[in-house]
Amino acid sequence: MRDSLKTKIIEVCNKKIEAKGSKVGLSFYAFFANKKDNPELLMEVAQWWIMRHKLDHFEKAVKIKSMVEEGR
């Protein structure tokens, strides 16, 4: 995953956690204004989320943040 995308994911996770607490969940759509915003990046995140890690549609923001920070 490209570094700019990792940074964006961590920023979004931090904002969600700050606003709603550590139990807040999100989907990979949370990183985009809408699904047509940047289809290439959306597919990159979807590939990482669904195909590589087989995550559920909604996951805890703290889990996603940790995975990205650890480089998984």
N, C-alpha and C. Protein backbone atom coordinates (compact mmCIF):
# COMPACT_ATOMS: atom_id res chain seq x y z
N MET A 1 0.84 -1.17 0.00
CA MET A 1 0.00 0.00 0.00
C MET A 1 0.90 1.24 0.00
N ARG A 2 0.54 2.21 -0.79
CA ARG A 2 1.35 3.44 -0.88
C ARG A 2 1.32 4.25 0.42
N ASP A 3 2.41 4.95 0.67
CA ASP A 3 2.57 5.70 1.92
C ASP A 3 1.48 6.76 2.12
N SER A 4 1.10 7.44 1.05
CA SER A 4 0.06 8.47 1.18
C SER A 4 -1.26 7.87 1.65
N LEU A 5 -1.54 6.66 1.22
CA LEU A 5 -2.76 5.97 1.63
C LEU A 5 -2.67 5.53 3.09
N LYS A 6 -1.51 5.04 3.49
CA LYS A 6 -1.31 4.66 4.89
C LYS A 6 -1.52 5.86 5.80
N THR A 7 -0.96 7.00 5.41
CA THR A 7 -1.11 8.23 6.20
C THR A 7 -2.57 8.62 6.32
N LYS A 8 -3.29 8.56 5.21
CA LYS A 8 -4.72 8.90 5.19
C LYS A 8 -5.52 7.97 6.11
N ILE A 9 -5.24 6.68 6.04
CA ILE A 9 -5.95 5.71 6.88
C ILE A 9 -5.72 5.99 8.35
N ILE A 10 -4.48 6.26 8.73
CA ILE A 10 -4.15 6.55 10.13
C ILE A 10 -4.85 7.83 10.58
N GLU A 11 -4.85 8.87 9.73
CA GLU A 11 -5.52 10.13 10.07
C GLU A 11 -7.02 9.92 10.29
N VAL A 12 -7.66 9.19 9.38
CA VAL A 12 -9.10 8.95 9.49
C VAL A 12 -9.40 8.14 10.75
N CYS A 13 -8.60 7.11 11.01
CA CYS A 13 -8.80 6.30 12.22
C CYS A 13 -8.66 7.16 13.47
N ASN A 14 -7.63 8.00 13.51
CA ASN A 14 -7.43 8.88 14.66
C ASN A 14 -8.63 9.79 14.89
N LYS A 15 -9.16 10.39 13.81
CA LYS A 15 -10.32 11.29 13.93
C LYS A 15 -11.55 10.54 14.43
N LYS A 16 -11.78 9.35 13.89
CA LYS A 16 -12.94 8.55 14.33
C LYS A 16 -12.81 8.13 15.79
N ILE A 17 -11.62 7.70 16.18
CA ILE A 17 -11.39 7.28 17.57
C ILE A 17 -11.56 8.46 18.51
N GLU A 18 -11.01 9.61 18.12
CA GLU A 18 -11.13 10.82 18.95
C GLU A 18 -12.59 11.25 19.11
N ALA A 19 -13.36 11.15 18.03
CA ALA A 19 -14.75 11.60 18.06
C ALA A 19 -15.69 10.62 18.73
N LYS A 20 -15.45 9.31 18.56
CA LYS A 20 -16.44 8.33 19.02
C LYS A 20 -15.90 7.28 19.98
N GLY A 21 -14.60 7.32 20.27
CA GLY A 21 -14.04 6.37 21.22
C GLY A 21 -13.39 5.18 20.56
N SER A 22 -12.72 4.38 21.37
CA SER A 22 -11.90 3.28 20.87
C SER A 22 -12.70 2.09 20.32
N LYS A 23 -13.99 2.09 20.54
CA LYS A 23 -14.80 0.97 20.04
C LYS A 23 -15.45 1.26 18.69
N VAL A 24 -15.16 2.42 18.11
CA VAL A 24 -15.78 2.81 16.85
C VAL A 24 -15.32 1.90 15.72
N GLY A 25 -16.27 1.52 14.88
CA GLY A 25 -15.97 0.71 13.72
C GLY A 25 -16.04 1.54 12.46
N LEU A 26 -15.40 1.04 11.41
CA LEU A 26 -15.47 1.71 10.11
C LEU A 26 -15.27 0.70 9.00
N SER A 27 -15.65 1.11 7.80
CA SER A 27 -15.42 0.28 6.62
C SER A 27 -14.35 0.94 5.78
N PHE A 28 -13.89 0.26 4.74
CA PHE A 28 -12.85 0.86 3.92
C PHE A 28 -13.37 2.07 3.13
N TYR A 29 -14.68 2.23 3.04
CA TYR A 29 -15.24 3.41 2.40
C TYR A 29 -14.99 4.68 3.22
N ALA A 30 -14.67 4.54 4.49
CA ALA A 30 -14.47 5.70 5.37
C ALA A 30 -13.30 6.58 4.93
N PHE A 31 -12.44 6.06 4.08
CA PHE A 31 -11.25 6.79 3.67
C PHE A 31 -11.46 7.60 2.40
N PHE A 32 -12.70 7.66 1.91
CA PHE A 32 -13.02 8.34 0.66
C PHE A 32 -14.26 9.19 0.82
N ALA A 33 -14.29 10.32 0.09
CA ALA A 33 -15.47 11.20 0.12
C ALA A 33 -16.69 10.46 -0.42
N ASN A 34 -16.50 9.70 -1.49
CA ASN A 34 -17.53 8.81 -2.02
C ASN A 34 -16.84 7.72 -2.83
N LYS A 35 -17.55 6.69 -3.19
CA LYS A 35 -16.90 5.56 -3.84
C LYS A 35 -16.38 5.86 -5.24
N LYS A 36 -16.81 6.94 -5.83
CA LYS A 36 -16.34 7.30 -7.16
C LYS A 36 -15.23 8.35 -7.10
N ASP A 37 -14.86 8.75 -5.90
CA ASP A 37 -13.86 9.80 -5.68
C ASP A 37 -12.52 9.44 -6.33
N ASN A 38 -12.00 8.26 -6.04
CA ASN A 38 -10.74 7.81 -6.60
C ASN A 38 -10.79 6.27 -6.68
N PRO A 39 -11.37 5.75 -7.76
CA PRO A 39 -11.59 4.31 -7.86
C PRO A 39 -10.32 3.48 -7.73
N GLU A 40 -9.19 3.98 -8.22
CA GLU A 40 -7.93 3.23 -8.12
C GLU A 40 -7.51 3.04 -6.66
N LEU A 41 -7.56 4.12 -5.89
CA LEU A 41 -7.21 4.02 -4.46
C LEU A 41 -8.22 3.17 -3.71
N LEU A 42 -9.49 3.33 -4.05
CA LEU A 42 -10.53 2.54 -3.41
C LEU A 42 -10.26 1.05 -3.62
N MET A 43 -9.89 0.67 -4.83
CA MET A 43 -9.60 -0.73 -5.11
C MET A 43 -8.34 -1.19 -4.39
N GLU A 44 -7.38 -0.30 -4.22
CA GLU A 44 -6.16 -0.66 -3.48
C GLU A 44 -6.49 -0.98 -2.02
N VAL A 45 -7.33 -0.14 -1.42
CA VAL A 45 -7.74 -0.39 -0.04
C VAL A 45 -8.61 -1.65 0.04
N ALA A 46 -9.53 -1.81 -0.90
CA ALA A 46 -10.40 -2.99 -0.92
C ALA A 46 -9.57 -4.27 -1.04
N GLN A 47 -8.56 -4.25 -1.89
CA GLN A 47 -7.67 -5.40 -2.06
C GLN A 47 -6.99 -5.73 -0.73
N TRP A 48 -6.46 -4.72 -0.07
CA TRP A 48 -5.77 -4.89 1.21
C TRP A 48 -6.77 -5.41 2.26
N TRP A 49 -7.94 -4.80 2.33
CA TRP A 49 -8.95 -5.09 3.35
C TRP A 49 -9.59 -6.46 3.16
N ILE A 50 -10.04 -6.74 1.93
CA ILE A 50 -10.83 -7.94 1.67
C ILE A 50 -9.97 -9.14 1.26
N MET A 51 -9.17 -8.95 0.25
CA MET A 51 -8.42 -10.07 -0.31
C MET A 51 -7.21 -10.47 0.56
N ARG A 52 -6.46 -9.49 1.01
CA ARG A 52 -5.24 -9.81 1.75
C ARG A 52 -5.53 -10.22 3.19
N HIS A 53 -6.39 -9.45 3.87
CA HIS A 53 -6.61 -9.70 5.30
C HIS A 53 -7.95 -10.34 5.63
N LYS A 54 -8.82 -10.44 4.64
CA LYS A 54 -10.13 -11.08 4.82
C LYS A 54 -10.91 -10.49 6.01
N LEU A 55 -10.87 -9.15 6.08
CA LEU A 55 -11.56 -8.46 7.17
C LEU A 55 -13.06 -8.37 6.89
N ASP A 56 -13.84 -8.22 7.95
CA ASP A 56 -15.28 -8.00 7.81
C ASP A 56 -15.51 -6.60 7.22
N HIS A 57 -16.75 -6.36 6.80
CA HIS A 57 -17.06 -5.05 6.21
C HIS A 57 -16.76 -3.92 7.21
N PHE A 58 -17.17 -4.10 8.46
CA PHE A 58 -16.86 -3.11 9.51
C PHE A 58 -15.85 -3.72 10.47
N GLU A 59 -14.82 -2.94 10.78
CA GLU A 59 -13.78 -3.34 11.74
C GLU A 59 -13.51 -2.17 12.67
N LYS A 60 -12.95 -2.46 13.82
CA LYS A 60 -12.61 -1.41 14.78
C LYS A 60 -11.49 -0.54 14.20
N ALA A 61 -11.65 0.76 14.36
CA ALA A 61 -10.65 1.71 13.85
C ALA A 61 -9.28 1.47 14.49
N VAL A 62 -9.27 1.11 15.79
CA VAL A 62 -7.98 0.87 16.45
C VAL A 62 -7.26 -0.33 15.83
N LYS A 63 -8.01 -1.33 15.40
CA LYS A 63 -7.42 -2.51 14.77
C LYS A 63 -6.81 -2.14 13.42
N ILE A 64 -7.54 -1.40 12.61
CA ILE A 64 -7.05 -1.00 11.29
C ILE A 64 -5.82 -0.11 11.43
N LYS A 65 -5.89 0.84 12.34
CA LYS A 65 -4.76 1.74 12.56
C LYS A 65 -3.52 0.94 12.95
N SER A 66 -3.67 0.02 13.87
CA SER A 66 -2.56 -0.81 14.32
C SER A 66 -1.98 -1.64 13.18
N MET A 67 -2.84 -2.23 12.37
CA MET A 67 -2.37 -3.04 11.25
C MET A 67 -1.55 -2.21 10.27
N VAL A 68 -2.02 -1.01 9.97
CA VAL A 68 -1.31 -0.15 9.03
C VAL A 68 0.02 0.31 9.62
N GLU A 69 0.01 0.70 10.89
CA GLU A 69 1.24 1.14 11.54
C GLU A 69 2.28 0.01 11.61
N GLU A 70 1.81 -1.21 11.76
CA GLU A 70 2.73 -2.37 11.84
C GLU A 70 3.19 -2.84 10.46
N GLY A 71 2.59 -2.27 9.42
CA GLY A 71 2.98 -2.63 8.05
C GLY A 71 2.42 -3.95 7.57
N ARG A 72 1.30 -4.37 8.16
CA ARG A 72 0.70 -5.64 7.73
C ARG A 72 -0.15 -5.46 6.50
